[in-house]
């Protein structure tokens, strides 16, 4: 049985690669857009897993990473589940 562990990164290439391997696309929670028009609450839409499509608005990677950096976030993620299958677990956390 594989050991379940998580990693934290701010590396854009690592985040994007993890997302693309899981058919996840950058998104923001609908209705949370900032008054200046920038992205609101960030997430990734892992297609086929959980989130109601009506609650999310897909955005491009540039906009997603711009908000990620301005909010000083880090990406906490898991590569594999205990059974060795790819994990879709992630969480956006503060860098402090």
Protein backbone atom coordinates (compact mmCIF):
# COMPACT_ATOMS: atom_id res chain seq x y z
CA UNK A 1 0.00 0.00 0.00
CA UNK A 2 1.43 3.39 -0.98
CA UNK A 3 1.92 5.99 1.70
CA UNK A 4 -0.51 8.87 1.40
CA UNK A 5 1.31 12.20 1.50
CA UNK A 6 0.73 15.74 0.39
CA UNK A 7 2.96 18.38 -1.12
CA UNK A 8 2.79 22.15 -1.21
CA UNK A 9 4.03 24.28 -4.10
CA UNK A 10 3.78 27.73 -5.64
CA UNK A 11 5.36 26.57 -8.92
CA UNK A 12 3.01 27.35 -11.79
CA UNK A 13 4.28 24.53 -14.02
CA UNK A 14 3.80 21.94 -11.26
CA UNK A 15 0.26 23.15 -10.55
CA UNK A 16 -0.71 23.23 -14.20
CA UNK A 17 0.77 19.78 -14.89
CA UNK A 18 -1.03 18.27 -11.84
CA UNK A 19 -4.32 19.81 -13.02
CA UNK A 20 -3.97 18.77 -16.65
CA UNK A 21 -3.15 15.16 -15.67
CA UNK A 22 -6.54 15.08 -13.90
CA UNK A 23 -8.61 16.94 -16.51
CA UNK A 24 -8.90 19.88 -14.13
CA UNK A 25 -9.39 23.40 -15.46
CA UNK A 26 -8.85 26.73 -13.70
CA UNK A 27 -12.04 28.21 -12.31
CA UNK A 28 -13.49 30.74 -9.93
CA UNK A 29 -16.58 30.40 -7.79
CA UNK A 30 -19.47 32.07 -9.63
CA UNK A 31 -20.62 35.28 -7.93
CA UNK A 32 -17.29 35.98 -6.21
CA UNK A 33 -15.76 38.20 -8.91
CA UNK A 34 -13.95 41.25 -7.56
CA UNK A 35 -15.40 44.72 -8.16
CA UNK A 36 -12.54 45.48 -10.58
CA UNK A 37 -13.56 42.48 -12.68
CA UNK A 38 -10.72 40.21 -11.57
CA UNK A 39 -11.21 36.59 -10.53
CA UNK A 40 -12.88 35.85 -7.22
CA UNK A 41 -12.46 32.71 -5.12
CA UNK A 42 -10.14 30.33 -6.98
CA UNK A 43 -10.52 26.62 -7.45
CA UNK A 44 -9.88 23.94 -10.03
CA UNK A 45 -12.78 22.21 -11.72
CA UNK A 46 -11.86 18.53 -11.79
CA UNK A 47 -14.26 17.45 -14.52
CA UNK A 48 -16.51 14.65 -13.30
CA UNK A 49 -15.70 15.08 -9.60
CA UNK A 50 -18.15 16.79 -7.34
CA UNK A 51 -18.57 20.48 -8.07
CA UNK A 52 -21.80 21.66 -9.64
CA UNK A 53 -20.84 23.18 -12.98
CA UNK A 54 -23.31 26.02 -12.38
CA UNK A 55 -21.31 27.13 -9.35
CA UNK A 56 -18.03 27.54 -11.25
CA UNK A 57 -16.84 29.79 -14.02
CA UNK A 58 -13.85 28.60 -16.04
CA UNK A 59 -11.08 31.15 -16.49
CA UNK A 60 -7.75 31.02 -18.29
CA UNK A 61 -4.51 30.03 -16.58
CA UNK A 62 -3.06 33.55 -16.81
CA UNK A 63 -5.98 35.03 -14.89
CA UNK A 64 -5.93 32.14 -12.40
CA UNK A 65 -2.22 32.53 -11.66
CA UNK A 66 -2.51 36.32 -11.44
CA UNK A 67 -5.08 35.92 -8.64
CA UNK A 68 -3.04 33.06 -7.10
CA UNK A 69 0.00 35.34 -6.83
CA UNK A 70 -1.84 38.50 -5.69
CA UNK A 71 -3.57 36.47 -2.96
CA UNK A 72 -0.25 34.88 -1.92
CA UNK A 73 -1.63 31.37 -2.14
CA UNK A 74 0.09 28.00 -2.20
CA UNK A 75 -1.18 24.77 -3.74
CA UNK A 76 -1.49 21.84 -1.32
CA UNK A 77 -2.02 18.62 -3.25
CA UNK A 78 -1.80 14.86 -3.20
CA UNK A 79 -0.34 12.88 -6.10
CA UNK A 80 -1.75 9.46 -5.23
CA UNK A 81 -4.44 7.89 -3.08
CA UNK A 82 -3.57 5.08 -0.66
CA UNK A 83 -4.38 2.55 -3.39
CA UNK A 84 -1.88 4.17 -5.78
CA UNK A 85 -4.53 5.73 -8.03
CA UNK A 86 -4.09 9.40 -8.98
CA UNK A 87 -5.59 11.66 -6.32
CA UNK A 88 -7.74 14.69 -7.09
CA UNK A 89 -7.27 16.15 -3.59
CA UNK A 90 -6.04 19.73 -3.51
CA UNK A 91 -6.51 22.81 -1.41
CA UNK A 92 -5.45 26.43 -1.88
CA UNK A 93 -3.79 27.69 1.30
CA UNK A 94 -2.08 30.85 2.51
CA UNK A 95 1.68 30.99 1.96
CA UNK A 96 2.39 31.94 5.56
